[in-house]
Amino acid sequence: MEMNAEEILRKLPHRYPFLLVDRILEMGEEEITGLKNVTLNEPFFQGHFPGHPVMPGVLIMEALAQTGGVLAFALRETDSHGVVYFMGMDKVRFRRPVRPGDQLILKLKLLRRKGPVFKMKGEAYVGNELAAEGELLATIEP
């Protein structure tokens, strides 16, 4: 199942400049793949770093979390609206810089779920190269 930006906006509460996923490429019952086009006009590049733009690692993790949030909303039993909250990160590692012009492929797998709490393993790739990885914890509140 693919989703474009308009469909993502209906699922997530995030808006520009903080919406960090442009498209959902595929979504299964326990995994999801999203896409973030990294462009030079991103607001964070003004200060990170002038003359040597690099996407902040915490924003790569946020992009993973937002992609995981789309999966979490899809897995809920109810269609009522809610807000997804990022609860924590474990085992986070940054493997390569992400720069303007890169396409960030965001892959998440559900590790476990207990009620409204979801734990997922996330990996962010540029091409076939792993850029970042970690385990993410989130919850959905009505």
N, C-alpha and C. Protein backbone atom coordinates (compact mmCIF):
# COMPACT_ATOMS: atom_id res chain seq x y z
N MET A 1 0.84 -1.18 0.00
CA MET A 1 0.00 0.00 0.00
C MET A 1 0.89 1.25 0.00
N GLU A 2 0.71 2.10 -0.98
CA GLU A 2 1.44 3.36 -1.06
C GLU A 2 0.60 4.49 -0.50
N MET A 3 1.25 5.55 -0.03
CA MET A 3 0.56 6.75 0.44
C MET A 3 1.33 7.96 -0.06
N ASN A 4 0.61 8.96 -0.57
CA ASN A 4 1.27 10.20 -0.95
C ASN A 4 1.23 11.19 0.22
N ALA A 5 1.78 12.37 0.00
CA ALA A 5 1.90 13.36 1.07
C ALA A 5 0.53 13.76 1.64
N GLU A 6 -0.47 13.92 0.79
CA GLU A 6 -1.80 14.31 1.28
C GLU A 6 -2.39 13.25 2.20
N GLU A 7 -2.19 11.98 1.87
CA GLU A 7 -2.70 10.90 2.73
C GLU A 7 -1.93 10.84 4.05
N ILE A 8 -0.64 11.11 4.01
CA ILE A 8 0.17 11.14 5.24
C ILE A 8 -0.31 12.26 6.14
N LEU A 9 -0.63 13.42 5.57
CA LEU A 9 -1.13 14.56 6.35
C LEU A 9 -2.44 14.23 7.05
N ARG A 10 -3.24 13.33 6.48
CA ARG A 10 -4.49 12.92 7.13
C ARG A 10 -4.23 11.98 8.31
N LYS A 11 -3.06 11.34 8.33
CA LYS A 11 -2.73 10.39 9.39
C LYS A 11 -1.94 11.03 10.53
N LEU A 12 -0.96 11.87 10.19
CA LEU A 12 -0.05 12.44 11.19
C LEU A 12 -0.43 13.88 11.53
N PRO A 13 -0.19 14.30 12.76
CA PRO A 13 -0.46 15.69 13.13
C PRO A 13 0.64 16.66 12.71
N HIS A 14 1.78 16.16 12.26
CA HIS A 14 2.93 17.00 11.91
C HIS A 14 2.64 17.82 10.66
N ARG A 15 3.21 19.03 10.62
CA ARG A 15 3.07 19.92 9.48
C ARG A 15 4.42 20.56 9.18
N TYR A 16 4.53 21.18 8.00
CA TYR A 16 5.75 21.87 7.62
C TYR A 16 6.10 22.89 8.70
N PRO A 17 7.36 23.00 9.08
CA PRO A 17 8.54 22.34 8.52
C PRO A 17 8.92 21.06 9.25
N PHE A 18 8.00 20.49 10.03
CA PHE A 18 8.37 19.34 10.83
C PHE A 18 7.86 18.00 10.30
N LEU A 19 7.10 17.99 9.22
CA LEU A 19 6.73 16.73 8.60
C LEU A 19 7.94 16.22 7.82
N LEU A 20 8.48 15.07 8.21
CA LEU A 20 9.74 14.58 7.67
C LEU A 20 9.61 13.28 6.89
N VAL A 21 8.41 12.98 6.41
CA VAL A 21 8.22 11.83 5.52
C VAL A 21 7.35 12.30 4.35
N ASP A 22 7.84 12.06 3.13
CA ASP A 22 7.17 12.54 1.93
C ASP A 22 6.24 11.52 1.31
N ARG A 23 6.53 10.25 1.49
CA ARG A 23 5.75 9.20 0.83
C ARG A 23 5.93 7.90 1.59
N ILE A 24 4.88 7.10 1.59
CA ILE A 24 4.97 5.72 2.07
C ILE A 24 5.05 4.85 0.83
N LEU A 25 6.14 4.10 0.71
CA LEU A 25 6.36 3.26 -0.47
C LEU A 25 5.66 1.92 -0.36
N GLU A 26 5.67 1.34 0.84
CA GLU A 26 4.96 0.08 1.09
C GLU A 26 4.63 -0.04 2.56
N MET A 27 3.55 -0.75 2.83
CA MET A 27 3.16 -0.98 4.22
C MET A 27 2.51 -2.35 4.30
N GLY A 28 3.03 -3.15 5.22
CA GLY A 28 2.46 -4.46 5.47
C GLY A 28 1.84 -4.48 6.86
N GLU A 29 1.60 -5.67 7.38
CA GLU A 29 0.97 -5.78 8.69
C GLU A 29 1.93 -5.48 9.83
N GLU A 30 3.24 -5.66 9.61
CA GLU A 30 4.20 -5.41 10.68
C GLU A 30 5.41 -4.62 10.22
N GLU A 31 5.36 -4.06 9.01
CA GLU A 31 6.49 -3.26 8.53
C GLU A 31 6.03 -2.19 7.56
N ILE A 32 6.89 -1.18 7.43
CA ILE A 32 6.56 -0.03 6.59
C ILE A 32 7.86 0.53 6.02
N THR A 33 7.77 1.09 4.81
CA THR A 33 8.89 1.76 4.17
C THR A 33 8.43 3.13 3.70
N GLY A 34 9.13 4.16 4.17
CA GLY A 34 8.82 5.53 3.78
C GLY A 34 9.99 6.17 3.06
N LEU A 35 9.74 7.37 2.55
CA LEU A 35 10.74 8.11 1.78
C LEU A 35 10.76 9.56 2.23
N LYS A 36 11.97 10.09 2.41
CA LYS A 36 12.18 11.51 2.70
C LYS A 36 13.18 12.03 1.68
N ASN A 37 12.74 12.97 0.84
CA ASN A 37 13.65 13.65 -0.08
C ASN A 37 14.33 14.77 0.69
N VAL A 38 15.62 14.71 0.80
CA VAL A 38 16.38 15.70 1.56
C VAL A 38 16.84 16.79 0.58
N THR A 39 16.37 18.01 0.80
CA THR A 39 16.69 19.10 -0.12
C THR A 39 17.45 20.21 0.60
N LEU A 40 18.20 20.99 -0.16
CA LEU A 40 19.02 22.05 0.40
C LEU A 40 18.19 23.14 1.08
N ASN A 41 16.92 23.29 0.69
CA ASN A 41 16.09 24.34 1.29
C ASN A 41 15.44 23.92 2.61
N GLU A 42 15.84 22.80 3.20
CA GLU A 42 15.35 22.41 4.52
C GLU A 42 15.82 23.47 5.53
N PRO A 43 14.94 23.92 6.43
CA PRO A 43 15.32 24.99 7.35
C PRO A 43 16.51 24.67 8.26
N PHE A 44 16.70 23.41 8.61
CA PHE A 44 17.79 23.06 9.53
C PHE A 44 19.17 23.20 8.90
N PHE A 45 19.26 23.19 7.56
CA PHE A 45 20.57 23.31 6.92
C PHE A 45 21.18 24.70 7.08
N GLN A 46 20.38 25.71 7.42
CA GLN A 46 20.93 27.06 7.62
C GLN A 46 21.98 27.07 8.73
N GLY A 47 21.76 26.25 9.75
CA GLY A 47 22.69 26.26 10.88
C GLY A 47 23.42 24.95 11.11
N HIS A 48 23.17 23.92 10.28
CA HIS A 48 23.75 22.60 10.53
C HIS A 48 24.32 22.02 9.24
N PHE A 49 25.41 22.33 8.78
CA PHE A 49 26.37 23.33 9.19
C PHE A 49 26.60 24.24 7.99
N PRO A 50 26.71 25.55 8.18
CA PRO A 50 26.96 26.45 7.04
C PRO A 50 28.20 26.02 6.25
N GLY A 51 28.03 25.87 4.96
CA GLY A 51 29.15 25.45 4.11
C GLY A 51 29.37 23.95 4.07
N HIS A 52 28.73 23.21 4.95
CA HIS A 52 28.86 21.74 5.01
C HIS A 52 27.55 21.16 5.55
N PRO A 53 26.47 21.24 4.76
CA PRO A 53 25.15 20.83 5.27
C PRO A 53 25.05 19.33 5.53
N VAL A 54 24.61 18.99 6.74
CA VAL A 54 24.39 17.61 7.17
C VAL A 54 23.06 17.57 7.92
N MET A 55 22.21 16.60 7.59
CA MET A 55 20.93 16.45 8.29
C MET A 55 21.20 16.00 9.72
N PRO A 56 20.65 16.71 10.72
CA PRO A 56 20.87 16.29 12.11
C PRO A 56 20.36 14.87 12.36
N GLY A 57 21.15 14.11 13.09
CA GLY A 57 20.78 12.73 13.40
C GLY A 57 19.45 12.61 14.11
N VAL A 58 19.16 13.54 15.00
CA VAL A 58 17.88 13.46 15.72
C VAL A 58 16.71 13.62 14.76
N LEU A 59 16.90 14.37 13.66
CA LEU A 59 15.82 14.51 12.68
C LEU A 59 15.68 13.26 11.81
N ILE A 60 16.77 12.55 11.60
CA ILE A 60 16.68 11.26 10.91
C ILE A 60 15.85 10.31 11.77
N MET A 61 16.11 10.31 13.07
CA MET A 61 15.33 9.45 13.97
C MET A 61 13.87 9.90 14.02
N GLU A 62 13.63 11.20 13.98
CA GLU A 62 12.26 11.71 13.95
C GLU A 62 11.55 11.27 12.66
N ALA A 63 12.25 11.30 11.54
CA ALA A 63 11.66 10.83 10.28
C ALA A 63 11.28 9.35 10.39
N LEU A 64 12.14 8.56 11.02
CA LEU A 64 11.81 7.15 11.26
C LEU A 64 10.58 7.04 12.16
N ALA A 65 10.55 7.85 13.22
CA ALA A 65 9.42 7.80 14.16
C ALA A 65 8.12 8.18 13.47
N GLN A 66 8.15 9.19 12.61
CA GLN A 66 6.93 9.59 11.91
C GLN A 66 6.45 8.49 10.97
N THR A 67 7.38 7.85 10.30
CA THR A 67 7.01 6.73 9.42
C THR A 67 6.40 5.60 10.25
N GLY A 68 7.01 5.31 11.40
CA GLY A 68 6.46 4.31 12.30
C GLY A 68 5.09 4.72 12.82
N GLY A 69 4.87 6.02 13.01
CA GLY A 69 3.56 6.51 13.45
C GLY A 69 2.47 6.20 12.44
N VAL A 70 2.78 6.28 11.16
CA VAL A 70 1.80 5.91 10.12
C VAL A 70 1.41 4.45 10.28
N LEU A 71 2.41 3.57 10.52
CA LEU A 71 2.12 2.15 10.73
C LEU A 71 1.30 1.95 11.99
N ALA A 72 1.65 2.64 13.07
CA ALA A 72 0.92 2.50 14.33
C ALA A 72 -0.55 2.88 14.16
N PHE A 73 -0.81 3.98 13.45
CA PHE A 73 -2.21 4.37 13.20
C PHE A 73 -2.94 3.31 12.39
N ALA A 74 -2.26 2.69 11.43
CA ALA A 74 -2.88 1.65 10.61
C ALA A 74 -3.20 0.40 11.42
N LEU A 75 -2.43 0.14 12.48
CA LEU A 75 -2.62 -1.07 13.29
C LEU A 75 -3.65 -0.90 14.40
N ARG A 76 -4.11 0.31 14.65
CA ARG A 76 -5.10 0.53 15.72
C ARG A 76 -6.42 -0.16 15.39
N GLU A 77 -7.12 -0.55 16.44
CA GLU A 77 -8.42 -1.20 16.25
C GLU A 77 -9.52 -0.18 16.00
N THR A 78 -9.31 1.07 16.39
CA THR A 78 -10.34 2.09 16.28
C THR A 78 -9.98 3.11 15.21
N ASP A 79 -10.96 3.71 14.59
CA ASP A 79 -10.73 4.74 13.60
C ASP A 79 -10.73 6.14 14.20
N SER A 80 -10.91 6.24 15.52
CA SER A 80 -10.95 7.56 16.13
C SER A 80 -9.59 8.24 16.02
N HIS A 81 -9.61 9.56 16.04
CA HIS A 81 -8.38 10.33 15.90
C HIS A 81 -7.57 10.27 17.19
N GLY A 82 -6.31 10.49 17.06
CA GLY A 82 -5.41 10.51 18.21
C GLY A 82 -4.11 11.17 17.83
N VAL A 83 -3.23 11.26 18.80
CA VAL A 83 -1.91 11.85 18.58
C VAL A 83 -0.88 10.80 18.94
N VAL A 84 0.11 10.66 18.07
CA VAL A 84 1.19 9.72 18.34
C VAL A 84 2.31 10.48 19.05
N TYR A 85 2.80 9.91 20.15
CA TYR A 85 3.87 10.51 20.92
C TYR A 85 5.09 9.60 20.90
N PHE A 86 6.24 10.18 20.62
CA PHE A 86 7.52 9.50 20.63
C PHE A 86 7.92 9.35 22.10
N MET A 87 8.17 8.12 22.56
CA MET A 87 8.46 7.86 23.98
C MET A 87 9.93 7.61 24.27
N GLY A 88 10.66 7.12 23.27
CA GLY A 88 12.06 6.84 23.55
C GLY A 88 12.78 6.21 22.38
N MET A 89 14.13 6.18 22.51
CA MET A 89 15.00 5.57 21.51
C MET A 89 16.06 4.75 22.24
N ASP A 90 16.37 3.60 21.70
CA ASP A 90 17.43 2.75 22.23
C ASP A 90 18.28 2.26 21.07
N LYS A 91 19.52 1.91 21.39
CA LYS A 91 20.43 1.30 20.42
C LYS A 91 20.58 2.14 19.15
N VAL A 92 20.59 3.47 19.30
CA VAL A 92 20.70 4.37 18.15
C VAL A 92 22.15 4.49 17.72
N ARG A 93 22.37 4.38 16.41
CA ARG A 93 23.69 4.53 15.83
C ARG A 93 23.54 5.30 14.52
N PHE A 94 24.50 6.20 14.28
CA PHE A 94 24.56 6.94 13.03
C PHE A 94 25.75 6.42 12.25
N ARG A 95 25.52 6.03 11.01
CA ARG A 95 26.54 5.32 10.23
C ARG A 95 27.17 6.17 9.13
N ARG A 96 26.43 7.13 8.59
CA ARG A 96 26.94 7.99 7.52
C ARG A 96 26.15 9.29 7.52
N PRO A 97 26.76 10.38 7.05
CA PRO A 97 26.03 11.65 6.99
C PRO A 97 24.95 11.62 5.90
N VAL A 98 23.90 12.35 6.14
CA VAL A 98 22.83 12.53 5.16
C VAL A 98 22.91 13.98 4.71
N ARG A 99 23.00 14.17 3.39
CA ARG A 99 23.25 15.49 2.83
C ARG A 99 22.16 15.88 1.84
N PRO A 100 22.09 17.18 1.49
CA PRO A 100 21.11 17.60 0.48
C PRO A 100 21.27 16.79 -0.81
N GLY A 101 20.14 16.43 -1.39
CA GLY A 101 20.14 15.61 -2.60
C GLY A 101 19.96 14.13 -2.32
N ASP A 102 20.15 13.72 -1.08
CA ASP A 102 19.96 12.31 -0.72
C ASP A 102 18.48 11.97 -0.63
N GLN A 103 18.17 10.74 -0.94
CA GLN A 103 16.84 10.19 -0.67
C GLN A 103 17.00 9.26 0.51
N LEU A 104 16.28 9.55 1.56
CA LEU A 104 16.34 8.75 2.78
C LEU A 104 15.22 7.72 2.72
N ILE A 105 15.58 6.44 2.73
CA ILE A 105 14.61 5.35 2.75
C ILE A 105 14.47 4.92 4.21
N LEU A 106 13.24 4.97 4.71
CA LEU A 106 12.94 4.76 6.13
C LEU A 106 12.21 3.43 6.30
N LYS A 107 12.87 2.45 6.91
CA LYS A 107 12.29 1.11 7.06
C LYS A 107 12.08 0.81 8.53
N LEU A 108 10.88 0.38 8.87
CA LEU A 108 10.57 0.01 10.25
C LEU A 108 9.87 -1.33 10.29
N LYS A 109 10.20 -2.09 11.35
CA LYS A 109 9.53 -3.37 11.62
C LYS A 109 9.00 -3.33 13.04
N LEU A 110 7.78 -3.78 13.20
CA LEU A 110 7.18 -3.85 14.52
C LEU A 110 7.86 -4.97 15.32
N LEU A 111 8.39 -4.63 16.49
CA LEU A 111 9.00 -5.64 17.36
C LEU A 111 7.97 -6.18 18.34
N ARG A 112 7.17 -5.26 18.92
CA ARG A 112 6.09 -5.70 19.80
C ARG A 112 5.13 -4.55 20.03
N ARG A 113 3.94 -4.96 20.47
CA ARG A 113 2.89 -4.00 20.75
C ARG A 113 2.18 -4.42 22.02
N LYS A 114 1.93 -3.44 22.88
CA LYS A 114 1.15 -3.70 24.09
C LYS A 114 0.15 -2.56 24.23
N GLY A 115 -1.10 -2.82 23.89
CA GLY A 115 -2.12 -1.79 23.91
C GLY A 115 -1.74 -0.67 22.96
N PRO A 116 -1.70 0.58 23.45
CA PRO A 116 -1.39 1.70 22.56
C PRO A 116 0.12 1.97 22.41
N VAL A 117 0.98 1.10 22.96
CA VAL A 117 2.43 1.31 22.92
C VAL A 117 3.05 0.39 21.87
N PHE A 118 3.89 0.97 21.03
CA PHE A 118 4.52 0.25 19.92
C PHE A 118 6.04 0.36 20.04
N LYS A 119 6.73 -0.76 19.85
CA LYS A 119 8.19 -0.76 19.78
C LYS A 119 8.57 -1.24 18.39
N MET A 120 9.42 -0.46 17.71
CA MET A 120 9.80 -0.76 16.34
C MET A 120 11.31 -0.65 16.17
N LYS A 121 11.83 -1.44 15.26
CA LYS A 121 13.23 -1.36 14.83
C LYS A 121 13.25 -0.54 13.56
N GLY A 122 14.02 0.56 13.56
CA GLY A 122 14.08 1.42 12.40
C GLY A 122 15.47 1.47 11.78
N GLU A 123 15.49 1.55 10.47
CA GLU A 123 16.74 1.71 9.73
C GLU A 123 16.51 2.75 8.63
N ALA A 124 17.43 3.69 8.52
CA ALA A 124 17.38 4.72 7.49
C ALA A 124 18.54 4.49 6.52
N TYR A 125 18.23 4.44 5.23
CA TYR A 125 19.23 4.16 4.20
C TYR A 125 19.32 5.31 3.22
N VAL A 126 20.52 5.52 2.67
CA VAL A 126 20.73 6.33 1.49
C VAL A 126 21.27 5.35 0.46
N GLY A 127 20.48 5.08 -0.56
CA GLY A 127 20.82 4.01 -1.49
C GLY A 127 20.84 2.69 -0.72
N ASN A 128 21.91 1.96 -0.83
CA ASN A 128 22.05 0.70 -0.09
C ASN A 128 22.85 0.86 1.19
N GLU A 129 23.25 2.09 1.51
CA GLU A 129 24.07 2.35 2.69
C GLU A 129 23.22 2.69 3.90
N LEU A 130 23.46 2.00 5.01
CA LEU A 130 22.78 2.30 6.25
C LEU A 130 23.29 3.63 6.80
N ALA A 131 22.36 4.58 7.01
CA ALA A 131 22.73 5.90 7.52
C ALA A 131 22.50 5.98 9.02
N ALA A 132 21.43 5.35 9.51
CA ALA A 132 21.11 5.39 10.94
C ALA A 132 20.21 4.22 11.27
N GLU A 133 20.23 3.83 12.56
CA GLU A 133 19.38 2.75 13.02
C GLU A 133 19.08 2.93 14.49
N GLY A 134 18.01 2.28 14.94
CA GLY A 134 17.68 2.33 16.35
C GLY A 134 16.33 1.68 16.61
N GLU A 135 16.04 1.48 17.89
CA GLU A 135 14.74 0.99 18.31
C GLU A 135 13.94 2.17 18.84
N LEU A 136 12.69 2.27 18.42
CA LEU A 136 11.84 3.41 18.75
C LEU A 136 10.62 2.95 19.51
N LEU A 137 10.22 3.76 20.49
CA LEU A 137 9.05 3.48 21.30
C LEU A 137 8.09 4.65 21.16
N ALA A 138 6.82 4.33 20.88
CA ALA A 138 5.81 5.38 20.69
C ALA A 138 4.47 4.91 21.23
N THR A 139 3.58 5.87 21.48
CA THR A 139 2.23 5.55 21.90
C THR A 139 1.25 6.45 21.18
N ILE A 140 0.02 5.98 21.08
CA ILE A 140 -1.05 6.79 20.50
C ILE A 140 -2.04 7.10 21.62
N GLU A 141 -2.31 8.39 21.82
CA GLU A 141 -3.30 8.80 22.81
C GLU A 141 -4.49 9.40 22.08
N PRO A 142 -5.70 9.10 22.55
CA PRO A 142 -6.90 9.66 21.90
C PRO A 142 -7.03 11.16 22.13
